[in-house]
Amino acid sequence: AKLFLDHKTLYYDVEPFLFYVMTEADNTGCHLVGYFSKEKNS
């Protein structure tokens, strides 16, 4: 994600977060469309 986002600073401390990953499926698998992350306790 950091390759396409200027302000992002979270890379390694991912444990407090949930990631919701959207995919588009075809006969080869579910291809990554995008995602958003969310703190477990905000």
All heavy atoms as atom14 arrays in JSON, in Angstrom:
{
  "sequence": "AKLFLDHKTLYYDVEPFLFYVMTEADNTGCHLVGYFSKEKNS",
  "atom14_mask": [
    [1, 1, 1, 1, 1, 0, 0, 0, 0, 0, 0, 0, 0, 0],
    [1, 1, 1, 1, 1, 1, 1, 1, 1, 0, 0, 0, 0, 0],
    [1, 1, 1, 1, 1, 1, 1, 1, 0, 0, 0, 0, 0, 0],
    [1, 1, 1, 1, 1, 1, 1, 1, 1, 1, 1, 0, 0, 0],
    [1, 1, 1, 1, 1, 1, 1, 1, 0, 0, 0, 0, 0, 0],
    [1, 1, 1, 1, 1, 1, 1, 1, 0, 0, 0, 0, 0, 0],
    [1, 1, 1, 1, 1, 1, 1, 1, 1, 1, 0, 0, 0, 0],
    [1, 1, 1, 1, 1, 1, 1, 1, 1, 0, 0, 0, 0, 0],
    [1, 1, 1, 1, 1, 1, 1, 0, 0, 0, 0, 0, 0, 0],
    [1, 1, 1, 1, 1, 1, 1, 1, 0, 0, 0, 0, 0, 0],
    [1, 1, 1, 1, 1, 1, 1, 1, 1, 1, 1, 1, 0, 0],
    [1, 1, 1, 1, 1, 1, 1, 1, 1, 1, 1, 1, 0, 0],
    [1, 1, 1, 1, 1, 1, 1, 1, 0, 0, 0, 0, 0, 0],
    [1, 1, 1, 1, 1, 1, 1, 0, 0, 0, 0, 0, 0, 0],
    [1, 1, 1, 1, 1, 1, 1, 1, 1, 0, 0, 0, 0, 0],
    [1, 1, 1, 1, 1, 1, 1, 0, 0, 0, 0, 0, 0, 0],
    [1, 1, 1, 1, 1, 1, 1, 1, 1, 1, 1, 0, 0, 0],
    [1, 1, 1, 1, 1, 1, 1, 1, 0, 0, 0, 0, 0, 0],
    [1, 1, 1, 1, 1, 1, 1, 1, 1, 1, 1, 0, 0, 0],
    [1, 1, 1, 1, 1, 1, 1, 1, 1, 1, 1, 1, 0, 0],
    [1, 1, 1, 1, 1, 1, 1, 0, 0, 0, 0, 0, 0, 0],
    [1, 1, 1, 1, 1, 1, 1, 1, 0, 0, 0, 0, 0, 0],
    [1, 1, 1, 1, 1, 1, 1, 0, 0, 0, 0, 0, 0, 0],
    [1, 1, 1, 1, 1, 1, 1, 1, 1, 0, 0, 0, 0, 0],
    [1, 1, 1, 1, 1, 0, 0, 0, 0, 0, 0, 0, 0, 0],
    [1, 1, 1, 1, 1, 1, 1, 1, 0, 0, 0, 0, 0, 0],
    [1, 1, 1, 1, 1, 1, 1, 1, 0, 0, 0, 0, 0, 0],
    [1, 1, 1, 1, 1, 1, 1, 0, 0, 0, 0, 0, 0, 0],
    [1, 1, 1, 1, 0, 0, 0, 0, 0, 0, 0, 0, 0, 0],
    [1, 1, 1, 1, 1, 1, 0, 0, 0, 0, 0, 0, 0, 0],
    [1, 1, 1, 1, 1, 1, 1, 1, 1, 1, 0, 0, 0, 0],
    [1, 1, 1, 1, 1, 1, 1, 1, 0, 0, 0, 0, 0, 0],
    [1, 1, 1, 1, 1, 1, 1, 0, 0, 0, 0, 0, 0, 0],
    [1, 1, 1, 1, 0, 0, 0, 0, 0, 0, 0, 0, 0, 0],
    [1, 1, 1, 1, 1, 1, 1, 1, 1, 1, 1, 1, 0, 0],
    [1, 1, 1, 1, 1, 1, 1, 1, 1, 1, 1, 0, 0, 0],
    [1, 1, 1, 1, 1, 1, 0, 0, 0, 0, 0, 0, 0, 0],
    [1, 1, 1, 1, 1, 1, 1, 1, 1, 0, 0, 0, 0, 0],
    [1, 1, 1, 1, 1, 1, 1, 1, 1, 0, 0, 0, 0, 0],
    [1, 1, 1, 1, 1, 1, 1, 1, 1, 0, 0, 0, 0, 0],
    [1, 1, 1, 1, 1, 1, 1, 1, 0, 0, 0, 0, 0, 0],
    [1, 1, 1, 1, 1, 1, 0, 0, 0, 0, 0, 0, 0, 0]
  ],
  "atom14_positions": [
    [[0.82, -1.21, 0.0], [0.0, 0.0, 0.0], [0.85, 1.25, 0.0], [0.5, 2.25, -0.63], [-0.93, -0.01, 1.21], [0.0, 0.0, 0.0], [0.0, 0.0, 0.0], [0.0, 0.0, 0.0], [0.0, 0.0, 0.0], [0.0, 0.0, 0.0], [0.0, 0.0, 0.0], [0.0, 0.0, 0.0], [0.0, 0.0, 0.0], [0.0, 0.0, 0.0]],
    [[2.0, 1.22, 0.68], [2.85, 2.42, 0.78], [3.4, 2.83, -0.58], [3.73, 4.01, -0.79], [4.01, 2.17, 1.76], [4.92, 3.39, 1.97], [4.14, 4.57, 2.53], [5.0, 5.81, 2.64], [5.23, 6.46, 1.33], [0.0, 0.0, 0.0], [0.0, 0.0, 0.0], [0.0, 0.0, 0.0], [0.0, 0.0, 0.0], [0.0, 0.0, 0.0]],
    [[3.47, 1.91, -1.52], [3.93, 2.25, -2.87], [2.97, 3.21, -3.57], [3.35, 3.88, -4.53], [4.08, 0.98, -3.72], [5.18, 0.0, -3.31], [5.05, -1.3, -4.08], [6.56, 0.61, -3.51], [0.0, 0.0, 0.0], [0.0, 0.0, 0.0], [0.0, 0.0, 0.0], [0.0, 0.0, 0.0], [0.0, 0.0, 0.0], [0.0, 0.0, 0.0]],
    [[1.72, 3.3, -3.06], [0.7, 4.12, -3.71], [0.05, 5.13, -2.76], [-0.89, 5.82, -3.14], [-0.38, 3.21, -4.32], [0.18, 2.15, -5.22], [0.28, 0.83, -4.79], [0.65, 2.47, -6.48], [0.81, -0.15, -5.61], [1.2, 1.49, -7.31], [1.28, 0.18, -6.87], [0.0, 0.0, 0.0], [0.0, 0.0, 0.0], [0.0, 0.0, 0.0]],
    [[0.55, 5.21, -1.52], [0.03, 6.17, -0.54], [1.17, 6.99, 0.02], [2.18, 6.44, 0.48], [-0.7, 5.44, 0.6], [-1.99, 4.69, 0.25], [-2.48, 3.93, 1.48], [-3.06, 5.65, -0.26], [0.0, 0.0, 0.0], [0.0, 0.0, 0.0], [0.0, 0.0, 0.0], [0.0, 0.0, 0.0], [0.0, 0.0, 0.0], [0.0, 0.0, 0.0]],
    [[1.01, 8.31, 0.02], [2.08, 9.19, 0.45], [2.19, 9.27, 1.97], [3.27, 9.31, 2.54], [1.85, 10.6, -0.13], [3.01, 11.54, 0.15], [4.12, 11.03, 0.41], [2.81, 12.76, 0.12], [0.0, 0.0, 0.0], [0.0, 0.0, 0.0], [0.0, 0.0, 0.0], [0.0, 0.0, 0.0], [0.0, 0.0, 0.0], [0.0, 0.0, 0.0]],
    [[1.04, 9.28, 2.66], [1.03, 9.59, 4.09], [1.13, 8.38, 4.99], [1.26, 8.52, 6.2], [-0.28, 10.32, 4.43], [-1.49, 9.43, 4.36], [-2.0, 8.99, 3.15], [-2.24, 8.87, 5.32], [-3.04, 8.21, 3.4], [-3.21, 8.11, 4.7], [0.0, 0.0, 0.0], [0.0, 0.0, 0.0], [0.0, 0.0, 0.0], [0.0, 0.0, 0.0]],
    [[1.07, 7.17, 4.44], [1.0, 5.97, 5.27], [2.28, 5.76, 6.06], [3.38, 5.86, 5.52], [0.71, 4.75, 4.4], [0.52, 3.48, 5.22], [0.04, 2.36, 4.33], [-0.05, 1.07, 5.11], [-0.96, 1.15, 6.25], [0.0, 0.0, 0.0], [0.0, 0.0, 0.0], [0.0, 0.0, 0.0], [0.0, 0.0, 0.0], [0.0, 0.0, 0.0]],
    [[2.14, 5.45, 7.37], [3.32, 5.24, 8.22], [3.31, 3.87, 8.9], [4.31, 3.45, 9.46], [3.4, 6.32, 9.32], [2.18, 6.32, 10.06], [3.61, 7.7, 8.71], [0.0, 0.0, 0.0], [0.0, 0.0, 0.0], [0.0, 0.0, 0.0], [0.0, 0.0, 0.0], [0.0, 0.0, 0.0], [0.0, 0.0, 0.0], [0.0, 0.0, 0.0]],
    [[2.17, 3.16, 8.87], [2.09, 1.84, 9.5], [2.62, 0.77, 8.55], [2.13, 0.61, 7.45], [0.63, 1.53, 9.87], [0.35, 0.08, 10.3], [1.0, -0.21, 11.64], [-1.15, -0.19, 10.37], [0.0, 0.0, 0.0], [0.0, 0.0, 0.0], [0.0, 0.0, 0.0], [0.0, 0.0, 0.0], [0.0, 0.0, 0.0], [0.0, 0.0, 0.0]],
    [[3.68, 0.05, 8.97], [4.2, -1.03, 8.14], [4.27, -2.35, 8.91], [3.88, -3.39, 8.42], [5.61, -0.72, 7.61], [5.77, 0.67, 7.08], [6.69, 1.56, 7.65], [4.99, 1.12, 6.03], [6.83, 2.84, 7.16], [5.12, 2.41, 5.54], [6.04, 3.26, 6.11], [6.17, 4.54, 5.63], [0.0, 0.0, 0.0], [0.0, 0.0, 0.0]],
    [[4.81, -2.3, 10.11], [5.13, -3.53, 10.82], [4.28, -3.76, 12.07], [4.06, -4.9, 12.46], [6.62, -3.53, 11.2], [7.5, -3.41, 9.98], [8.25, -2.26, 9.71], [7.59, -4.46, 9.05], [9.05, -2.16, 8.59], [8.38, -4.37, 7.93], [9.11, -3.22, 7.7], [9.87, -3.12, 6.58], [0.0, 0.0, 0.0], [0.0, 0.0, 0.0]],
    [[3.79, -2.72, 12.72], [2.98, -2.88, 13.93], [1.52, -3.1, 13.55], [0.68, -2.22, 13.7], [3.13, -1.64, 14.82], [2.41, -1.8, 16.15], [2.19, -2.96, 16.55], [2.04, -0.78, 16.77], [0.0, 0.0, 0.0], [0.0, 0.0, 0.0], [0.0, 0.0, 0.0], [0.0, 0.0, 0.0], [0.0, 0.0, 0.0], [0.0, 0.0, 0.0]],
    [[1.23, -4.28, 13.04], [-0.09, -4.55, 12.47], [-1.02, -5.28, 13.45], [-2.21, -5.43, 13.18], [0.03, -5.39, 11.17], [0.76, -4.61, 10.09], [0.73, -6.72, 11.45], [0.0, 0.0, 0.0], [0.0, 0.0, 0.0], [0.0, 0.0, 0.0], [0.0, 0.0, 0.0], [0.0, 0.0, 0.0], [0.0, 0.0, 0.0], [0.0, 0.0, 0.0]],
    [[-0.51, -5.72, 14.58], [-1.3, -6.55, 15.49], [-2.56, -5.86, 16.04], [-3.58, -6.52, 16.23], [-0.41, -7.05, 16.64], [0.68, -7.99, 16.16], [1.49, -8.57, 17.31], [1.06, -8.43, 18.47], [2.55, -9.16, 17.04], [0.0, 0.0, 0.0], [0.0, 0.0, 0.0], [0.0, 0.0, 0.0], [0.0, 0.0, 0.0], [0.0, 0.0, 0.0]],
    [[-2.55, -4.54, 16.3], [-3.77, -3.91, 16.83], [-4.85, -3.64, 15.77], [-5.86, -3.02, 16.08], [-3.25, -2.57, 17.41], [-1.77, -2.67, 17.42], [-1.41, -3.6, 16.32], [0.0, 0.0, 0.0], [0.0, 0.0, 0.0], [0.0, 0.0, 0.0], [0.0, 0.0, 0.0], [0.0, 0.0, 0.0], [0.0, 0.0, 0.0], [0.0, 0.0, 0.0]],
    [[-4.65, -4.1, 14.55], [-5.55, -3.73, 13.46], [-6.23, -4.95, 12.83], [-5.7, -6.06, 12.82], [-4.78, -2.98, 12.36], [-4.27, -1.64, 12.79], [-3.05, -1.52, 13.44], [-5.02, -0.49, 12.56], [-2.58, -0.28, 13.84], [-4.56, 0.75, 12.96], [-3.34, 0.86, 13.61], [0.0, 0.0, 0.0], [0.0, 0.0, 0.0], [0.0, 0.0, 0.0]],
    [[-7.4, -4.7, 12.29], [-8.1, -5.64, 11.42], [-8.02, -5.09, 9.99], [-8.12, -3.88, 9.78], [-9.56, -5.8, 11.83], [-9.81, -6.49, 13.17], [-11.28, -6.33, 13.57], [-9.44, -7.96, 13.11], [0.0, 0.0, 0.0], [0.0, 0.0, 0.0], [0.0, 0.0, 0.0], [0.0, 0.0, 0.0], [0.0, 0.0, 0.0], [0.0, 0.0, 0.0]],
    [[-7.86, -5.98, 9.04], [-7.75, -5.59, 7.64], [-8.92, -6.2, 6.87], [-9.16, -7.42, 6.97], [-6.42, -6.06, 7.05], [-5.22, -5.39, 7.67], [-4.74, -5.8, 8.9], [-4.58, -4.34, 7.02], [-3.65, -5.18, 9.49], [-3.48, -3.73, 7.59], [-3.02, -4.14, 8.83], [0.0, 0.0, 0.0], [0.0, 0.0, 0.0], [0.0, 0.0, 0.0]],
    [[-9.63, -5.35, 6.14], [-10.78, -5.81, 5.36], [-10.38, -5.74, 3.88], [-10.26, -4.65, 3.31], [-12.01, -4.97, 5.68], [-12.46, -5.18, 7.1], [-11.97, -4.37, 8.13], [-13.34, -6.21, 7.44], [-12.35, -4.58, 9.45], [-13.73, -6.42, 8.75], [-13.22, -5.61, 9.76], [-13.59, -5.83, 11.06], [0.0, 0.0, 0.0], [0.0, 0.0, 0.0]],
    [[-10.15, -6.91, 3.3], [-9.57, -7.02, 1.96], [-10.65, -7.39, 0.95], [-11.29, -8.43, 1.06], [-8.44, -8.08, 1.95], [-7.77, -8.12, 0.58], [-7.42, -7.81, 3.05], [0.0, 0.0, 0.0], [0.0, 0.0, 0.0], [0.0, 0.0, 0.0], [0.0, 0.0, 0.0], [0.0, 0.0, 0.0], [0.0, 0.0, 0.0], [0.0, 0.0, 0.0]],
    [[-10.84, -6.51, -0.03], [-11.84, -6.76, -1.08], [-11.17, -7.43, -2.27], [-10.08, -7.02, -2.69], [-12.49, -5.44, -1.52], [-13.55, -5.61, -2.59], [-14.41, -4.06, -2.99], [-15.45, -3.89, -1.53], [0.0, 0.0, 0.0], [0.0, 0.0, 0.0], [0.0, 0.0, 0.0], [0.0, 0.0, 0.0], [0.0, 0.0, 0.0], [0.0, 0.0, 0.0]],
    [[-11.83, -8.45, -2.82], [-11.27, -9.18, -3.96], [-12.31, -9.34, -5.05], [-13.51, -9.25, -4.8], [-10.78, -10.58, -3.54], [-11.9, -11.36, -3.1], [-9.75, -10.5, -2.43], [0.0, 0.0, 0.0], [0.0, 0.0, 0.0], [0.0, 0.0, 0.0], [0.0, 0.0, 0.0], [0.0, 0.0, 0.0], [0.0, 0.0, 0.0], [0.0, 0.0, 0.0]],
    [[-11.82, -9.59, -6.25], [-12.67, -9.91, -7.39], [-12.27, -11.3, -7.88], [-11.09, -11.54, -8.19], [-12.47, -8.87, -8.5], [-13.43, -9.02, -9.67], [-13.21, -7.94, -10.72], [-12.15, -7.97, -11.38], [-14.09, -7.07, -10.87], [0.0, 0.0, 0.0], [0.0, 0.0, 0.0], [0.0, 0.0, 0.0], [0.0, 0.0, 0.0], [0.0, 0.0, 0.0]],
    [[-13.22, -12.2, -7.94], [-12.91, -13.6, -8.22], [-13.09, -13.96, -9.7], [-13.97, -13.43, -10.38], [-13.79, -14.52, -7.36], [0.0, 0.0, 0.0], [0.0, 0.0, 0.0], [0.0, 0.0, 0.0], [0.0, 0.0, 0.0], [0.0, 0.0, 0.0], [0.0, 0.0, 0.0], [0.0, 0.0, 0.0], [0.0, 0.0, 0.0], [0.0, 0.0, 0.0]],
    [[-12.23, -14.85, -10.18], [-12.42, -15.5, -11.47], [-11.96, -16.95, -11.31], [-11.78, -17.42, -10.19], [-11.69, -14.77, -12.6], [-10.18, -14.7, -12.38], [-9.66, -15.49, -11.56], [-9.52, -13.86, -13.01], [0.0, 0.0, 0.0], [0.0, 0.0, 0.0], [0.0, 0.0, 0.0], [0.0, 0.0, 0.0], [0.0, 0.0, 0.0], [0.0, 0.0, 0.0]],
    [[-11.76, -17.65, -12.42], [-11.43, -19.07, -12.3], [-10.0, -19.33, -11.82], [-9.62, -20.48, -11.6], [-11.66, -19.78, -13.65], [-10.86, -19.14, -14.77], [-10.11, -18.2, -14.57], [-11.04, -19.67, -15.97], [0.0, 0.0, 0.0], [0.0, 0.0, 0.0], [0.0, 0.0, 0.0], [0.0, 0.0, 0.0], [0.0, 0.0, 0.0], [0.0, 0.0, 0.0]],
    [[-9.2, -18.28, -11.65], [-7.82, -18.47, -11.16], [-7.68, -18.13, -9.68], [-6.67, -18.43, -9.06], [-6.82, -17.61, -11.96], [-7.13, -16.22, -11.78], [-6.88, -17.96, -13.44], [0.0, 0.0, 0.0], [0.0, 0.0, 0.0], [0.0, 0.0, 0.0], [0.0, 0.0, 0.0], [0.0, 0.0, 0.0], [0.0, 0.0, 0.0], [0.0, 0.0, 0.0]],
    [[-8.68, -17.45, -9.09], [-8.6, -17.09, -7.68], [-9.25, -15.75, -7.4], [-9.92, -15.17, -8.26], [0.0, 0.0, 0.0], [0.0, 0.0, 0.0], [0.0, 0.0, 0.0], [0.0, 0.0, 0.0], [0.0, 0.0, 0.0], [0.0, 0.0, 0.0], [0.0, 0.0, 0.0], [0.0, 0.0, 0.0], [0.0, 0.0, 0.0], [0.0, 0.0, 0.0]],
    [[-9.05, -15.27, -6.17], [-9.6, -13.99, -5.72], [-8.52, -12.92, -5.81], [-7.56, -12.95, -5.04], [-10.12, -14.1, -4.29], [-11.49, -15.26, -4.11], [0.0, 0.0, 0.0], [0.0, 0.0, 0.0], [0.0, 0.0, 0.0], [0.0, 0.0, 0.0], [0.0, 0.0, 0.0], [0.0, 0.0, 0.0], [0.0, 0.0, 0.0], [0.0, 0.0, 0.0]],
    [[-8.68, -11.97, -6.72], [-7.65, -10.97, -6.99], [-7.86, -9.72, -6.14], [-9.0, -9.22, -6.03], [-7.67, -10.61, -8.48], [-7.54, -11.8, -9.37], [-6.33, -12.4, -9.64], [-8.47, -12.54, -10.03], [-6.51, -13.44, -10.44], [-7.81, -13.54, -10.69], [0.0, 0.0, 0.0], [0.0, 0.0, 0.0], [0.0, 0.0, 0.0], [0.0, 0.0, 0.0]],
    [[-6.78, -9.22, -5.57], [-6.84, -8.07, -4.67], [-7.31, -6.81, -5.4], [-6.7, -6.38, -6.38], [-5.46, -7.82, -4.06], [-5.31, -6.59, -3.18], [-6.16, -6.73, -1.91], [-3.84, -6.38, -2.8], [0.0, 0.0, 0.0], [0.0, 0.0, 0.0], [0.0, 0.0, 0.0], [0.0, 0.0, 0.0], [0.0, 0.0, 0.0], [0.0, 0.0, 0.0]],
    [[-8.42, -6.25, -4.94], [-8.97, -5.01, -5.49], [-8.55, -3.82, -4.63], [-8.15, -2.76, -5.13], [-10.51, -5.08, -5.57], [-11.1, -3.71, -5.91], [-10.94, -6.1, -6.59], [0.0, 0.0, 0.0], [0.0, 0.0, 0.0], [0.0, 0.0, 0.0], [0.0, 0.0, 0.0], [0.0, 0.0, 0.0], [0.0, 0.0, 0.0], [0.0, 0.0, 0.0]],
    [[-8.63, -3.98, -3.32], [-8.28, -2.92, -2.39], [-8.54, -3.39, -0.97], [-8.94, -4.54, -0.74], [0.0, 0.0, 0.0], [0.0, 0.0, 0.0], [0.0, 0.0, 0.0], [0.0, 0.0, 0.0], [0.0, 0.0, 0.0], [0.0, 0.0, 0.0], [0.0, 0.0, 0.0], [0.0, 0.0, 0.0], [0.0, 0.0, 0.0], [0.0, 0.0, 0.0]],
    [[-8.3, -2.51, -0.01], [-8.53, -2.88, 1.38], [-8.66, -1.63, 2.23], [-8.31, -0.52, 1.8], [-7.38, -3.74, 1.92], [-6.2, -2.95, 2.42], [-6.03, -2.72, 3.8], [-5.26, -2.39, 1.55], [-4.96, -1.97, 4.27], [-4.19, -1.65, 2.02], [-4.04, -1.45, 3.39], [-3.0, -0.7, 3.86], [0.0, 0.0, 0.0], [0.0, 0.0, 0.0]],
    [[-9.17, -1.79, 3.45], [-9.01, -0.75, 4.46], [-8.69, -1.43, 5.78], [-9.08, -2.58, 6.03], [-10.26, 0.14, 4.58], [-11.5, -0.54, 5.08], [-11.78, -0.63, 6.45], [-12.42, -1.08, 4.19], [-12.93, -1.25, 6.9], [-13.59, -1.7, 4.64], [-13.83, -1.79, 6.0], [0.0, 0.0, 0.0], [0.0, 0.0, 0.0], [0.0, 0.0, 0.0]],
    [[-7.93, -0.74, 6.6], [-7.58, -1.24, 7.93], [-8.35, -0.47, 8.97], [-8.8, 0.67, 8.74], [-6.07, -1.12, 8.18], [-5.65, 0.22, 8.08], [0.0, 0.0, 0.0], [0.0, 0.0, 0.0], [0.0, 0.0, 0.0], [0.0, 0.0, 0.0], [0.0, 0.0, 0.0], [0.0, 0.0, 0.0], [0.0, 0.0, 0.0], [0.0, 0.0, 0.0]],
    [[-8.49, -1.09, 10.13], [-9.32, -0.5, 11.18], [-8.77, -0.94, 12.54], [-8.47, -2.12, 12.74], [-10.76, -0.99, 10.99], [-11.75, -0.56, 12.06], [-13.11, -1.18, 11.73], [-14.15, -0.86, 12.78], [-15.46, -1.46, 12.48], [0.0, 0.0, 0.0], [0.0, 0.0, 0.0], [0.0, 0.0, 0.0], [0.0, 0.0, 0.0], [0.0, 0.0, 0.0]],
    [[-8.63, 0.0, 13.45], [-8.17, -0.34, 14.8], [-9.21, -1.21, 15.5], [-10.41, -0.97, 15.4], [-7.95, 0.92, 15.63], [-6.62, 1.61, 15.39], [-6.38, 2.72, 16.38], [-6.89, 3.84, 16.14], [-5.7, 2.48, 17.4], [0.0, 0.0, 0.0], [0.0, 0.0, 0.0], [0.0, 0.0, 0.0], [0.0, 0.0, 0.0], [0.0, 0.0, 0.0]],
    [[-8.72, -2.22, 16.22], [-9.65, -3.08, 16.96], [-10.37, -2.29, 18.06], [-11.54, -2.52, 18.33], [-8.88, -4.26, 17.57], [-8.3, -5.2, 16.52], [-7.42, -6.27, 17.17], [-6.78, -7.16, 16.12], [-5.85, -8.14, 16.72], [0.0, 0.0, 0.0], [0.0, 0.0, 0.0], [0.0, 0.0, 0.0], [0.0, 0.0, 0.0], [0.0, 0.0, 0.0]],
    [[-9.65, -1.38, 18.69], [-10.24, -0.52, 19.72], [-9.84, 0.91, 19.44], [-8.74, 1.34, 19.8], [-9.76, -0.95, 21.12], [-10.26, -2.32, 21.5], [-11.45, -2.57, 21.59], [-9.33, -3.25, 21.71], [0.0, 0.0, 0.0], [0.0, 0.0, 0.0], [0.0, 0.0, 0.0], [0.0, 0.0, 0.0], [0.0, 0.0, 0.0], [0.0, 0.0, 0.0]],
    [[-10.71, 1.65, 18.78], [-10.41, 3.04, 18.43], [-11.06, 3.97, 19.45], [-12.29, 4.0, 19.6], [-10.92, 3.36, 17.03], [-10.74, 4.73, 16.73], [0.0, 0.0, 0.0], [0.0, 0.0, 0.0], [0.0, 0.0, 0.0], [0.0, 0.0, 0.0], [0.0, 0.0, 0.0], [0.0, 0.0, 0.0], [0.0, 0.0, 0.0], [0.0, 0.0, 0.0]]
  ]
}
